[in-house]
Amino acid sequence: MTDGEGEWALPEDVDAVRDALVSWYETDHREFPWRETTDPYEILVSEVMSQQTQLSRVEEAWAAFLERWPTTADLAAADRADVVGFWSANSLGYNNRATYLHEAAQQVEDDYGGEFPDTPDELAELMGVGPYTANAVASFAFDNGDAVVDTNVKRVLYRAFDVPDDDAVFEDAANELMPEGESRVWNNAIMELGGVACGKTPKCNAAACPWREWCLAYASGDFSAPDVPQQSTFEGSRRQKRGRVVGALREHGDLELDELGPRVRVDYTPDGDGGREWLRELLADLEADGLVAVAESDDGTTARLRK
């Protein structure tokens, strides 16, 4: 897709991309208690706490907070100093977030009769609830949100589909990729992918990343991202050539060596230094990584993408 900031494109089999991620997530994912509830108050508390605190620490604080103030009515009626004191004692970041959470609970009680609004726009009217948090609550509580775009999601989209480092483009790409009406499972799944498999140091194989088949970074070996320093000397590197092999096979299907070679390097000469033997070695690397299958026959050597 051309967007004015660069070019990016989702794979043609986008349904397979979606199904692979959701299946991966539903088979095995980190268990957090706020993933087991659709209560918007409980989810809002988890989102506000998570803004500055590691999830492992949030879990204990979240449970203690909800034990003390289990509903918006309880929190709204609480002394604000007690809420701020809890926040500070649990090292949950800026104390004004506790103040905003207290005021938001009062809004829910006073302005909405104790019932949370269920759209991102309405949720953003609550004190201290910005667009990201509003969308997260709409997604996880009501399955009624847009695609969530955090640092993890940006990293995944940048690496997998070469989405340019531009917030508006990330939003467009994330929403195009998300299946309609499935914001709860989808947003959980893609954030889990960024947190478990596609971190700053990727664990593509160890985490069984479901997007390896389509991922441009996995094909090239260049895992730079908006929050990861650019790898040096990518132009002309072996990583770049790997990516070109995968791109050519994805676009053209099975290719013999002398059909593939010129699509990988402009100086390809079958019997030269950058010729068939060099290409066979490159394909052997990709075959070892499970990306490419190489077949030998009387007619020559043919490469194809693994399914």
C-alpha atoms as a PDB file:
ATOM      1  CA  MET A   1       0.000   0.000   0.000  1.00  0.00           C
ATOM      2  CA  THR A   2       1.248   3.484  -0.828  1.00  0.00           C
ATOM      3  CA  ASP A   3       0.572   5.976   1.940  1.00  0.00           C
ATOM      4  CA  GLY A   4       2.699   9.024   1.301  1.00  0.00           C
ATOM      5  CA  GLU A   5       5.225   8.023   3.938  1.00  0.00           C
ATOM      6  CA  GLY A   6       6.488   4.930   2.134  1.00  0.00           C
ATOM      7  CA  GLU A   7       5.116   1.642   0.907  1.00  0.00           C
ATOM      8  CA  TRP A   8       3.905  -1.343   2.820  1.00  0.00           C
ATOM      9  CA  ALA A   9       1.618  -4.220   2.033  1.00  0.00           C
ATOM     10  CA  LEU A  10      -0.165  -6.978   3.896  1.00  0.00           C
ATOM     11  CA  PRO A  11       0.244 -10.468   2.433  1.00  0.00           C
ATOM     12  CA  GLU A  12      -2.409 -11.495  -0.069  1.00  0.00           C
ATOM     13  CA  ASP A  13      -3.540 -14.324   2.217  1.00  0.00           C
ATOM     14  CA  VAL A  14      -4.424 -11.927   5.040  1.00  0.00           C
ATOM     15  CA  ASP A  15      -7.030 -14.329   6.452  1.00  0.00           C
ATOM     16  CA  ALA A  16      -4.300 -16.921   6.949  1.00  0.00           C
ATOM     17  CA  VAL A  17      -2.177 -14.297   8.721  1.00  0.00           C
ATOM     18  CA  ARG A  18      -5.059 -13.485  11.068  1.00  0.00           C
ATOM     19  CA  ASP A  19      -5.953 -17.112  11.728  1.00  0.00           C
ATOM     20  CA  ALA A  20      -2.334 -18.022  12.470  1.00  0.00           C
ATOM     21  CA  LEU A  21      -1.977 -15.299  15.106  1.00  0.00           C
ATOM     22  CA  VAL A  22      -5.275 -15.979  16.860  1.00  0.00           C
ATOM     23  CA  SER A  23      -4.634 -19.728  16.902  1.00  0.00           C
ATOM     24  CA  TRP A  24      -1.146 -19.154  18.333  1.00  0.00           C
ATOM     25  CA  TYR A  25      -2.539 -16.905  21.055  1.00  0.00           C
ATOM     26  CA  GLU A  26      -5.427 -19.173  21.991  1.00  0.00           C
ATOM     27  CA  THR A  27      -3.171 -22.232  22.151  1.00  0.00           C
ATOM     28  CA  ASP A  28      -0.795 -20.713  24.694  1.00  0.00           C
ATOM     29  CA  HIS A  29      -0.404 -17.243  26.178  1.00  0.00           C
ATOM     30  CA  ARG A  30       0.644 -15.552  29.379  1.00  0.00           C
ATOM     31  CA  GLU A  31      -2.120 -15.634  31.956  1.00  0.00           C
ATOM     32  CA  PHE A  32      -3.019 -12.342  33.600  1.00  0.00           C
ATOM     33  CA  PRO A  33      -6.175 -11.976  35.695  1.00  0.00           C
ATOM     34  CA  TRP A  34      -7.400  -8.955  33.731  1.00  0.00           C
ATOM     35  CA  ARG A  35      -7.489 -11.181  30.649  1.00  0.00           C
ATOM     36  CA  GLU A  36     -10.017 -13.361  32.424  1.00  0.00           C
ATOM     37  CA  THR A  37     -12.560 -10.599  33.007  1.00  0.00           C
ATOM     38  CA  THR A  38     -14.742  -8.348  30.884  1.00  0.00           C
ATOM     39  CA  ASP A  39     -15.507  -5.970  33.765  1.00  0.00           C
ATOM     40  CA  PRO A  40     -14.601  -2.494  32.415  1.00  0.00           C
ATOM     41  CA  TYR A  41     -13.675  -1.190  35.865  1.00  0.00           C
ATOM     42  CA  GLU A  42     -11.235  -4.028  36.500  1.00  0.00           C
ATOM     43  CA  ILE A  43      -9.750  -3.588  33.036  1.00  0.00           C
ATOM     44  CA  LEU A  44      -9.433   0.178  33.456  1.00  0.00           C
ATOM     45  CA  VAL A  45      -7.538  -0.323  36.726  1.00  0.00           C
ATOM     46  CA  SER A  46      -5.157  -2.753  35.031  1.00  0.00           C
ATOM     47  CA  GLU A  47      -4.564  -0.396  32.106  1.00  0.00           C
ATOM     48  CA  VAL A  48      -3.811   2.592  34.322  1.00  0.00           C
ATOM     49  CA  MET A  49      -1.510   0.558  36.561  1.00  0.00           C
ATOM     50  CA  SER A  50       0.353  -0.907  33.579  1.00  0.00           C
ATOM     51  CA  GLN A  51       1.352   2.470  32.174  1.00  0.00           C
ATOM     52  CA  GLN A  52       4.518   2.693  34.237  1.00  0.00           C
ATOM     53  CA  THR A  53       4.864  -0.643  35.953  1.00  0.00           C
ATOM     54  CA  GLN A  54       6.028  -4.119  34.926  1.00  0.00           C
ATOM     55  CA  LEU A  55       3.144  -6.548  34.525  1.00  0.00           C
ATOM     56  CA  SER A  56       4.610  -8.955  37.080  1.00  0.00           C
ATOM     57  CA  ARG A  57       4.317  -6.224  39.720  1.00  0.00           C
ATOM     58  CA  VAL A  58       0.952  -4.973  38.531  1.00  0.00           C
ATOM     59  CA  GLU A  59      -0.700  -8.343  39.143  1.00  0.00           C
ATOM     60  CA  GLU A  60      -0.318  -8.220  42.927  1.00  0.00           C
ATOM     61  CA  ALA A  61      -1.198  -4.526  43.202  1.00  0.00           C
ATOM     62  CA  TRP A  62      -4.232  -4.953  40.943  1.00  0.00           C
ATOM     63  CA  ALA A  63      -5.658  -7.734  43.108  1.00  0.00           C
ATOM     64  CA  ALA A  64      -5.073  -5.744  46.312  1.00  0.00           C
ATOM     65  CA  PHE A  65      -6.638  -2.594  44.843  1.00  0.00           C
ATOM     66  CA  LEU A  66      -9.778  -4.437  43.762  1.00  0.00           C
ATOM     67  CA  GLU A  67     -10.051  -6.217  47.086  1.00  0.00           C
ATOM     68  CA  ARG A  68     -10.069  -2.834  48.804  1.00  0.00           C
ATOM     69  CA  TRP A  69     -12.256  -1.029  46.236  1.00  0.00           C
ATOM     70  CA  PRO A  70     -14.098  -3.744  44.253  1.00  0.00           C
ATOM     71  CA  THR A  71     -16.465  -1.438  42.318  1.00  0.00           C
ATOM     72  CA  THR A  72     -16.563   2.069  40.955  1.00  0.00           C
ATOM     73  CA  ALA A  73     -19.021   2.917  43.722  1.00  0.00           C
ATOM     74  CA  ASP A  74     -16.502   1.829  46.354  1.00  0.00           C
ATOM     75  CA  LEU A  75     -13.687   3.772  44.734  1.00  0.00           C
ATOM     76  CA  ALA A  76     -15.819   6.877  44.190  1.00  0.00           C
ATOM     77  CA  ALA A  77     -16.753   6.908  47.889  1.00  0.00           C
ATOM     78  CA  ALA A  78     -13.153   6.416  49.054  1.00  0.00           C
ATOM     79  CA  ASP A  79     -10.994   9.144  50.533  1.00  0.00           C
ATOM     80  CA  ARG A  80      -8.723  10.340  47.741  1.00  0.00           C
ATOM     81  CA  ALA A  81      -5.752  10.432  50.106  1.00  0.00           C
ATOM     82  CA  ASP A  82      -6.208   6.703  50.740  1.00  0.00           C
ATOM     83  CA  VAL A  83      -6.207   5.950  47.011  1.00  0.00           C
ATOM     84  CA  VAL A  84      -3.085   8.041  46.424  1.00  0.00           C
ATOM     85  CA  GLY A  85      -1.446   6.449  49.459  1.00  0.00           C
ATOM     86  CA  PHE A  86      -2.081   2.977  48.031  1.00  0.00           C
ATOM     87  CA  TRP A  87      -0.626   4.051  44.699  1.00  0.00           C
ATOM     88  CA  SER A  88       2.503   5.431  46.266  1.00  0.00           C
ATOM     89  CA  ALA A  89       2.990   2.473  48.615  1.00  0.00           C
ATOM     90  CA  ASN A  90       2.870   0.092  45.638  1.00  0.00           C
ATOM     91  CA  SER A  91       5.250   2.181  43.482  1.00  0.00           C
ATOM     92  CA  LEU A  92       2.729   2.462  40.656  1.00  0.00           C
ATOM     93  CA  GLY A  93       4.149   5.579  39.055  1.00  0.00           C
ATOM     94  CA  TYR A  94       2.846   9.128  39.052  1.00  0.00           C
ATOM     95  CA  ASN A  95       0.320   9.691  41.832  1.00  0.00           C
ATOM     96  CA  ASN A  96      -1.872  11.832  39.586  1.00  0.00           C
ATOM     97  CA  ARG A  97      -2.934   8.609  37.876  1.00  0.00           C
ATOM     98  CA  ALA A  98      -4.507   7.513  41.150  1.00  0.00           C
ATOM     99  CA  THR A  99      -6.270  10.877  41.367  1.00  0.00           C
ATOM    100  CA  TYR A 100      -7.595  10.555  37.832  1.00  0.00           C
ATOM    101  CA  LEU A 101      -8.764   6.990  38.446  1.00  0.00           C
ATOM    102  CA  HIS A 102     -10.648   8.168  41.538  1.00  0.00           C
ATOM    103  CA  GLU A 103     -12.285  10.991  39.556  1.00  0.00           C
ATOM    104  CA  ALA A 104     -13.156   8.637  36.692  1.00  0.00           C
ATOM    105  CA  ALA A 105     -14.954   6.343  39.142  1.00  0.00           C
ATOM    106  CA  GLN A 106     -16.947   9.324  40.383  1.00  0.00           C
ATOM    107  CA  GLN A 107     -17.858  10.227  36.801  1.00  0.00           C
ATOM    108  CA  VAL A 108     -19.088   6.703  36.124  1.00  0.00           C
ATOM    109  CA  GLU A 109     -21.268   6.860  39.215  1.00  0.00           C
ATOM    110  CA  ASP A 110     -22.527  10.429  38.815  1.00  0.00           C
ATOM    111  CA  ASP A 111     -22.779  10.798  35.033  1.00  0.00           C
ATOM    112  CA  TYR A 112     -23.439   7.238  33.861  1.00  0.00           C
ATOM    113  CA  GLY A 113     -25.447   5.745  36.713  1.00  0.00           C
ATOM    114  CA  GLY A 114     -22.679   3.315  37.600  1.00  0.00           C
ATOM    115  CA  GLU A 115     -22.563   1.814  34.097  1.00  0.00           C
ATOM    116  CA  PHE A 116     -19.437   2.288  32.001  1.00  0.00           C
ATOM    117  CA  PRO A 117     -19.794   3.767  28.507  1.00  0.00           C
ATOM    118  CA  ASP A 118     -18.798   1.206  25.902  1.00  0.00           C
ATOM    119  CA  THR A 119     -17.233   3.111  23.017  1.00  0.00           C
ATOM    120  CA  PRO A 120     -13.717   4.550  22.764  1.00  0.00           C
ATOM    121  CA  ASP A 121     -15.030   8.085  22.252  1.00  0.00           C
ATOM    122  CA  GLU A 122     -17.266   7.986  25.325  1.00  0.00           C
ATOM    123  CA  LEU A 123     -14.632   6.292  27.477  1.00  0.00           C
ATOM    124  CA  ALA A 124     -12.163   9.031  26.528  1.00  0.00           C
ATOM    125  CA  GLU A 125     -14.450  11.500  28.327  1.00  0.00           C
ATOM    126  CA  LEU A 126     -13.474   9.938  31.655  1.00  0.00           C
ATOM    127  CA  MET A 127     -10.845  11.784  33.654  1.00  0.00           C
ATOM    128  CA  GLY A 128      -7.301  10.740  32.771  1.00  0.00           C
ATOM    129  CA  VAL A 129      -8.438   8.263  30.116  1.00  0.00           C
ATOM    130  CA  GLY A 130      -6.593   8.989  26.872  1.00  0.00           C
ATOM    131  CA  PRO A 131      -7.333   7.525  23.440  1.00  0.00           C
ATOM    132  CA  TYR A 132      -5.130   4.458  23.944  1.00  0.00           C
ATOM    133  CA  THR A 133      -6.646   3.508  27.314  1.00  0.00           C
ATOM    134  CA  ALA A 134     -10.176   4.239  26.103  1.00  0.00           C
ATOM    135  CA  ASN A 135      -9.691   1.958  23.129  1.00  0.00           C
ATOM    136  CA  ALA A 136      -8.146  -0.770  25.275  1.00  0.00           C
ATOM    137  CA  VAL A 137     -11.106  -0.764  27.678  1.00  0.00           C
ATOM    138  CA  ALA A 138     -13.584  -0.740  24.774  1.00  0.00           C
ATOM    139  CA  SER A 139     -11.739  -3.668  23.208  1.00  0.00           C
ATOM    140  CA  PHE A 140     -11.181  -5.876  26.228  1.00  0.00           C
ATOM    141  CA  ALA A 141     -14.397  -5.150  28.124  1.00  0.00           C
ATOM    142  CA  PHE A 142     -16.898  -4.729  25.282  1.00  0.00           C
ATOM    143  CA  ASP A 143     -15.163  -6.188  22.192  1.00  0.00           C
ATOM    144  CA  ASN A 144     -15.967  -2.830  20.663  1.00  0.00           C
ATOM    145  CA  GLY A 145     -12.660  -1.144  19.951  1.00  0.00           C
ATOM    146  CA  ASP A 146     -10.298  -0.312  17.161  1.00  0.00           C
ATOM    147  CA  ALA A 147      -6.875  -1.883  16.839  1.00  0.00           C
ATOM    148  CA  VAL A 148      -4.668  -1.099  19.816  1.00  0.00           C
ATOM    149  CA  VAL A 149      -1.322   0.378  18.786  1.00  0.00           C
ATOM    150  CA  ASP A 150       1.375   0.365  21.461  1.00  0.00           C
ATOM    151  CA  THR A 151       5.154   0.046  21.202  1.00  0.00           C
ATOM    152  CA  ASN A 152       4.929  -3.737  20.859  1.00  0.00           C
ATOM    153  CA  VAL A 153       2.398  -3.537  18.040  1.00  0.00           C
ATOM    154  CA  LYS A 154       4.448  -0.930  16.185  1.00  0.00           C
ATOM    155  CA  ARG A 155       7.524  -3.151  16.422  1.00  0.00           C
ATOM    156  CA  VAL A 156       5.609  -6.143  15.036  1.00  0.00           C
ATOM    157  CA  LEU A 157       4.098  -4.226  12.112  1.00  0.00           C
ATOM    158  CA  TYR A 158       7.373  -2.527  11.248  1.00  0.00           C
ATOM    159  CA  ARG A 159       9.270  -5.804  11.153  1.00  0.00           C
ATOM    160  CA  ALA A 160       6.672  -8.086   9.650  1.00  0.00           C
ATOM    161  CA  PHE A 161       5.171  -5.877   6.934  1.00  0.00           C
ATOM    162  CA  ASP A 162       7.590  -2.960   6.595  1.00  0.00           C
ATOM    163  CA  VAL A 163       5.034  -0.444   7.880  1.00  0.00           C
ATOM    164  CA  PRO A 164       6.758   2.971   8.026  1.00  0.00           C
ATOM    165  CA  ASP A 165       7.555   4.546  11.386  1.00  0.00           C
ATOM    166  CA  ASP A 166       4.640   6.959  11.353  1.00  0.00           C
ATOM    167  CA  ASP A 167       1.872   6.914  13.977  1.00  0.00           C
ATOM    168  CA  ALA A 168      -0.966   7.535  11.512  1.00  0.00           C
ATOM    169  CA  VAL A 169       0.277   4.813   9.184  1.00  0.00           C
ATOM    170  CA  PHE A 170       0.643   2.369  12.079  1.00  0.00           C
ATOM    171  CA  GLU A 171      -2.995   3.085  13.025  1.00  0.00           C
ATOM    172  CA  ASP A 172      -4.180   2.467   9.460  1.00  0.00           C
ATOM    173  CA  ALA A 173      -2.186  -0.746   9.103  1.00  0.00           C
ATOM    174  CA  ALA A 174      -3.261  -2.114  12.475  1.00  0.00           C
ATOM    175  CA  ASN A 175      -6.932  -1.475  11.752  1.00  0.00           C
ATOM    176  CA  GLU A 176      -6.711  -2.968   8.267  1.00  0.00           C
ATOM    177  CA  LEU A 177      -5.157  -6.098   9.713  1.00  0.00           C
ATOM    178  CA  MET A 178      -7.603  -6.549  12.625  1.00  0.00           C
ATOM    179  CA  PRO A 179     -10.606  -8.785  11.839  1.00  0.00           C
ATOM    180  CA  GLU A 180     -13.818  -6.788  12.051  1.00  0.00           C
ATOM    181  CA  GLY A 181     -15.628  -7.162  15.365  1.00  0.00           C
ATOM    182  CA  GLU A 182     -12.840  -9.140  17.052  1.00  0.00           C
ATOM    183  CA  SER A 183     -10.960  -6.438  18.910  1.00  0.00           C
ATOM    184  CA  ARG A 184     -10.775  -8.349  22.203  1.00  0.00           C
ATOM    185  CA  VAL A 185      -8.945 -11.451  21.025  1.00  0.00           C
ATOM    186  CA  TRP A 186      -7.033  -9.673  18.274  1.00  0.00           C
ATOM    187  CA  ASN A 187      -5.578  -6.891  20.401  1.00  0.00           C
ATOM    188  CA  ASN A 188      -4.618  -9.330  23.118  1.00  0.00           C
ATOM    189  CA  ALA A 189      -2.992 -11.586  20.517  1.00  0.00           C
ATOM    190  CA  ILE A 190      -0.930  -8.993  18.662  1.00  0.00           C
ATOM    191  CA  MET A 191       0.298  -7.395  21.902  1.00  0.00           C
ATOM    192  CA  GLU A 192       1.234 -10.849  23.145  1.00  0.00           C
ATOM    193  CA  LEU A 193       3.159 -11.435  19.931  1.00  0.00           C
ATOM    194  CA  GLY A 194       5.138  -8.253  20.506  1.00  0.00           C
ATOM    195  CA  GLY A 195       5.725  -9.036  24.154  1.00  0.00           C
ATOM    196  CA  VAL A 196       6.671 -12.714  23.845  1.00  0.00           C
ATOM    197  CA  ALA A 197       8.043 -13.401  20.359  1.00  0.00           C
ATOM    198  CA  CYS A 198       8.892 -10.041  18.804  1.00  0.00           C
ATOM    199  CA  GLY A 199      10.581  -8.151  21.620  1.00  0.00           C
ATOM    200  CA  LYS A 200      13.624  -5.953  21.191  1.00  0.00           C
ATOM    201  CA  THR A 201      15.553  -9.213  21.049  1.00  0.00           C
ATOM    202  CA  PRO A 202      13.251 -11.433  18.962  1.00  0.00           C
ATOM    203  CA  LYS A 203      12.554 -15.066  19.828  1.00  0.00           C
ATOM    204  CA  CYS A 204      11.044 -16.074  16.515  1.00  0.00           C
ATOM    205  CA  ASN A 205      11.677 -19.805  16.723  1.00  0.00           C
ATOM    206  CA  ALA A 206      11.754 -20.235  20.508  1.00  0.00           C
ATOM    207  CA  ALA A 207       8.309 -18.620  20.796  1.00  0.00           C
ATOM    208  CA  ALA A 208       7.041 -20.338  17.630  1.00  0.00           C
ATOM    209  CA  CYS A 209       6.102 -16.996  16.097  1.00  0.00           C
ATOM    210  CA  PRO A 210       3.072 -17.667  13.876  1.00  0.00           C
ATOM    211  CA  TRP A 211       4.107 -15.010  11.342  1.00  0.00           C
ATOM    212  CA  ARG A 212       7.500 -16.382  10.343  1.00  0.00           C
ATOM    213  CA  GLU A 213       6.126 -17.428   6.973  1.00  0.00           C
ATOM    214  CA  TRP A 214       5.222 -13.828   6.077  1.00  0.00           C
ATOM    215  CA  CYS A 215       7.637 -11.769   8.172  1.00  0.00           C
ATOM    216  CA  LEU A 216      10.080  -9.648   6.175  1.00  0.00           C
ATOM    217  CA  ALA A 217      12.440  -9.259   9.142  1.00  0.00           C
ATOM    218  CA  TYR A 218      12.584 -13.013   9.689  1.00  0.00           C
ATOM    219  CA  ALA A 219      13.393 -13.523   6.040  1.00  0.00           C
ATOM    220  CA  SER A 220      16.127 -10.895   5.940  1.00  0.00           C
ATOM    221  CA  GLY A 221      17.520 -11.213   9.466  1.00  0.00           C
ATOM    222  CA  ASP A 222      17.212  -7.424   9.955  1.00  0.00           C
ATOM    223  CA  PHE A 223      15.291  -6.943  13.206  1.00  0.00           C
ATOM    224  CA  SER A 224      15.666  -3.199  13.573  1.00  0.00           C
ATOM    225  CA  ALA A 225      12.479  -1.386  14.614  1.00  0.00           C
ATOM    226  CA  PRO A 226      11.356   2.039  15.868  1.00  0.00           C
ATOM    227  CA  ASP A 227      12.555   1.150  19.388  1.00  0.00           C
ATOM    228  CA  VAL A 228      15.508  -0.995  18.236  1.00  0.00           C
ATOM    229  CA  PRO A 229      18.654   0.600  16.720  1.00  0.00           C
ATOM    230  CA  GLN A 230      19.117   0.169  12.994  1.00  0.00           C
ATOM    231  CA  GLN A 231      21.453  -2.678  12.145  1.00  0.00           C
ATOM    232  CA  SER A 232      24.476  -1.542  10.196  1.00  0.00           C
ATOM    233  CA  THR A 233      25.361  -2.166   6.564  1.00  0.00           C
ATOM    234  CA  PHE A 234      22.073  -3.780   5.606  1.00  0.00           C
ATOM    235  CA  GLU A 235      22.359  -2.598   1.981  1.00  0.00           C
ATOM    236  CA  GLY A 236      24.155  -5.305   0.038  1.00  0.00           C
ATOM    237  CA  SER A 237      24.330  -7.627   3.052  1.00  0.00           C
ATOM    238  CA  ARG A 238      23.495 -11.318   3.293  1.00  0.00           C
ATOM    239  CA  ARG A 239      20.384 -10.371   5.297  1.00  0.00           C
ATOM    240  CA  GLN A 240      19.167  -8.288   2.386  1.00  0.00           C
ATOM    241  CA  LYS A 241      19.791 -11.111  -0.077  1.00  0.00           C
ATOM    242  CA  ARG A 242      17.844 -13.547   2.123  1.00  0.00           C
ATOM    243  CA  GLY A 243      14.930 -11.157   2.052  1.00  0.00           C
ATOM    244  CA  ARG A 244      15.112 -10.877  -1.719  1.00  0.00           C
ATOM    245  CA  VAL A 245      15.025 -14.667  -2.104  1.00  0.00           C
ATOM    246  CA  VAL A 246      11.886 -14.928   0.025  1.00  0.00           C
ATOM    247  CA  GLY A 247      10.284 -11.968  -1.743  1.00  0.00           C
ATOM    248  CA  ALA A 248      10.965 -13.401  -5.184  1.00  0.00           C
ATOM    249  CA  LEU A 249       9.594 -16.836  -4.282  1.00  0.00           C
ATOM    250  CA  ARG A 250       6.534 -15.279  -2.676  1.00  0.00           C
ATOM    251  CA  GLU A 251       5.847 -13.222  -5.806  1.00  0.00           C
ATOM    252  CA  HIS A 252       6.732 -15.729  -8.534  1.00  0.00           C
ATOM    253  CA  GLY A 253       6.340 -19.169  -6.952  1.00  0.00           C
ATOM    254  CA  ASP A 254       8.856 -21.966  -7.615  1.00  0.00           C
ATOM    255  CA  LEU A 255      11.990 -20.747  -9.376  1.00  0.00           C
ATOM    256  CA  GLU A 256      15.038 -22.480 -10.786  1.00  0.00           C
ATOM    257  CA  LEU A 257      18.432 -21.135  -9.737  1.00  0.00           C
ATOM    258  CA  ASP A 258      19.052 -19.114 -12.869  1.00  0.00           C
ATOM    259  CA  GLU A 259      15.554 -17.639 -12.701  1.00  0.00           C
ATOM    260  CA  LEU A 260      15.959 -16.741  -9.033  1.00  0.00           C
ATOM    261  CA  GLY A 261      19.537 -15.450  -9.130  1.00  0.00           C
ATOM    262  CA  PRO A 262      18.972 -12.221 -11.105  1.00  0.00           C
ATOM    263  CA  ARG A 263      16.094 -11.354  -8.807  1.00  0.00           C
ATOM    264  CA  VAL A 264      18.418 -11.583  -5.810  1.00  0.00           C
ATOM    265  CA  ARG A 265      21.456  -9.712  -7.118  1.00  0.00           C
ATOM    266  CA  VAL A 266      21.958  -7.644 -10.238  1.00  0.00           C
ATOM    267  CA  ASP A 267      25.481  -9.001 -10.724  1.00  0.00           C
ATOM    268  CA  TYR A 268      24.356 -12.648 -10.754  1.00  0.00           C
ATOM    269  CA  THR A 269      26.411 -14.737 -13.177  1.00  0.00           C
ATOM    270  CA  PRO A 270      25.688 -18.470 -13.098  1.00  0.00           C
ATOM    271  CA  ASP A 271      29.308 -19.597 -13.055  1.00  0.00           C
ATOM    272  CA  GLY A 272      30.800 -16.561 -11.286  1.00  0.00           C
ATOM    273  CA  ASP A 273      31.528 -15.681  -7.654  1.00  0.00           C
ATOM    274  CA  GLY A 274      27.983 -14.508  -7.127  1.00  0.00           C
ATOM    275  CA  GLY A 275      26.448 -17.338  -9.090  1.00  0.00           C
ATOM    276  CA  ARG A 276      24.914 -20.753  -8.567  1.00  0.00           C
ATOM    277  CA  GLU A 277      27.234 -21.981  -5.809  1.00  0.00           C
ATOM    278  CA  TRP A 278      26.761 -18.766  -3.835  1.00  0.00           C
ATOM    279  CA  LEU A 279      22.992 -18.986  -4.306  1.00  0.00           C
ATOM    280  CA  ARG A 280      22.950 -22.647  -3.239  1.00  0.00           C
ATOM    281  CA  GLU A 281      24.676 -21.675   0.020  1.00  0.00           C
ATOM    282  CA  LEU A 282      22.159 -18.902   0.633  1.00  0.00           C
ATOM    283  CA  LEU A 283      19.277 -21.283  -0.033  1.00  0.00           C
ATOM    284  CA  ALA A 284      20.837 -23.843   2.315  1.00  0.00           C
ATOM    285  CA  ASP A 285      20.712 -21.249   5.116  1.00  0.00           C
ATOM    286  CA  LEU A 286      17.074 -20.495   4.385  1.00  0.00           C
ATOM    287  CA  GLU A 287      16.286 -24.204   4.165  1.00  0.00           C
ATOM    288  CA  ALA A 288      17.885 -24.781   7.571  1.00  0.00           C
ATOM    289  CA  ASP A 289      15.676 -22.018   8.979  1.00  0.00           C
ATOM    290  CA  GLY A 290      12.589 -23.734   7.601  1.00  0.00           C
ATOM    291  CA  LEU A 291      11.742 -20.946   5.158  1.00  0.00           C
ATOM    292  CA  VAL A 292      12.652 -22.520   1.828  1.00  0.00           C
ATOM    293  CA  ALA A 293      12.582 -25.980   0.288  1.00  0.00           C
ATOM    294  CA  VAL A 294      15.160 -26.899  -2.367  1.00  0.00           C
ATOM    295  CA  ALA A 295      14.586 -29.731  -4.850  1.00  0.00           C
ATOM    296  CA  GLU A 296      17.256 -31.300  -7.062  1.00  0.00           C
ATOM    297  CA  SER A 297      16.302 -33.011 -10.302  1.00  0.00           C
ATOM    298  CA  ASP A 298      17.789 -33.849 -13.697  1.00  0.00           C
ATOM    299  CA  ASP A 299      16.504 -30.485 -14.883  1.00  0.00           C
ATOM    300  CA  GLY A 300      18.357 -28.556 -12.195  1.00  0.00           C
ATOM    301  CA  THR A 301      17.751 -27.015  -8.781  1.00  0.00           C
ATOM    302  CA  THR A 302      14.400 -25.450  -7.884  1.00  0.00           C
ATOM    303  CA  ALA A 303      13.549 -23.398  -4.787  1.00  0.00           C
ATOM    304  CA  ARG A 304      10.130 -22.746  -3.257  1.00  0.00           C
ATOM    305  CA  LEU A 305       8.732 -21.264  -0.083  1.00  0.00           C
ATOM    306  CA  ARG A 306       7.692 -23.704   2.586  1.00  0.00           C
ATOM    307  CA  LYS A 307       4.023 -23.605   3.451  1.00  0.00           C
END
